[in-house]
Amino acid sequence: MAVPKRRTSSAKTKSRKAANMKKTLPALSVCPQCHEPKLPHRVCPNCGYYDGKDVVEA
């Protein structure tokens, strides 16, 4: 079984964990029908429109 020979330093651990802290929230666009924020290239969860067409009954 593989066991570390030396203790991992705190700088090494923190630099590894720092890469995950840079993640940001996804970009939002505005629905042209109801003007609510939505994810781009997705059906609007509020009104059900996509590309100017009623796709899902809301």
Protein backbone atom coordinates (compact mmCIF):
# COMPACT_ATOMS: atom_id res chain seq x y z
CA MET A 1 0.00 0.00 0.00
CA ALA A 2 1.35 3.44 -0.92
CA VAL A 3 2.08 5.66 2.07
CA PRO A 4 3.49 9.21 1.87
CA LYS A 5 7.10 9.44 3.02
CA ARG A 6 6.83 13.05 4.20
CA ARG A 7 4.02 15.20 5.52
CA THR A 8 2.39 17.41 2.86
CA SER A 9 3.19 21.04 3.65
CA SER A 10 0.39 23.51 4.28
CA ALA A 11 1.50 25.61 1.30
CA LYS A 12 1.21 22.62 -1.02
CA THR A 13 -2.22 21.74 0.35
CA LYS A 14 -3.52 25.31 0.15
CA SER A 15 -2.25 25.84 -3.39
CA ARG A 16 -4.02 22.65 -4.47
CA LYS A 17 -7.28 23.74 -2.84
CA ALA A 18 -7.01 27.29 -4.22
CA ALA A 19 -7.78 26.10 -7.77
CA ASN A 20 -11.33 25.17 -6.72
CA MET A 21 -11.97 28.53 -5.09
CA LYS A 22 -11.65 30.37 -8.42
CA LYS A 23 -14.91 28.92 -9.76
CA THR A 24 -17.52 31.55 -10.59
CA LEU A 25 -21.25 31.44 -11.07
CA PRO A 26 -22.52 30.69 -14.58
CA ALA A 27 -23.25 33.63 -16.84
CA LEU A 28 -26.90 34.64 -17.08
CA SER A 29 -28.73 36.12 -20.04
CA VAL A 30 -32.09 37.88 -20.15
CA CYS A 31 -35.14 36.19 -21.63
CA PRO A 32 -36.49 38.34 -24.50
CA GLN A 33 -40.09 37.32 -23.69
CA CYS A 34 -40.42 37.81 -19.92
CA HIS A 35 -37.13 39.65 -19.20
CA GLU A 36 -36.19 37.24 -16.40
CA PRO A 37 -32.60 35.96 -15.99
CA LYS A 38 -31.95 32.52 -17.46
CA LEU A 39 -29.04 30.33 -18.49
CA PRO A 40 -27.96 30.91 -22.09
CA HIS A 41 -29.05 28.36 -24.74
CA ARG A 42 -31.70 26.92 -22.41
CA VAL A 43 -35.49 27.08 -22.26
CA CYS A 44 -36.64 29.87 -19.95
CA PRO A 45 -37.91 28.28 -16.71
CA ASN A 46 -40.30 31.19 -16.14
CA CYS A 47 -42.20 31.41 -19.43
CA GLY A 48 -41.08 28.28 -21.35
CA TYR A 49 -39.87 30.11 -24.47
CA TYR A 50 -36.74 29.30 -26.47
CA ASP A 51 -35.66 31.06 -29.67
CA GLY A 52 -38.95 32.98 -29.83
CA LYS A 53 -41.09 29.83 -29.75
CA ASP A 54 -43.26 28.41 -26.97
CA VAL A 55 -41.49 25.12 -26.27
CA VAL A 56 -42.68 24.16 -22.77
CA GLU A 57 -46.02 24.92 -21.20
CA ALA A 58 -45.34 27.08 -18.15
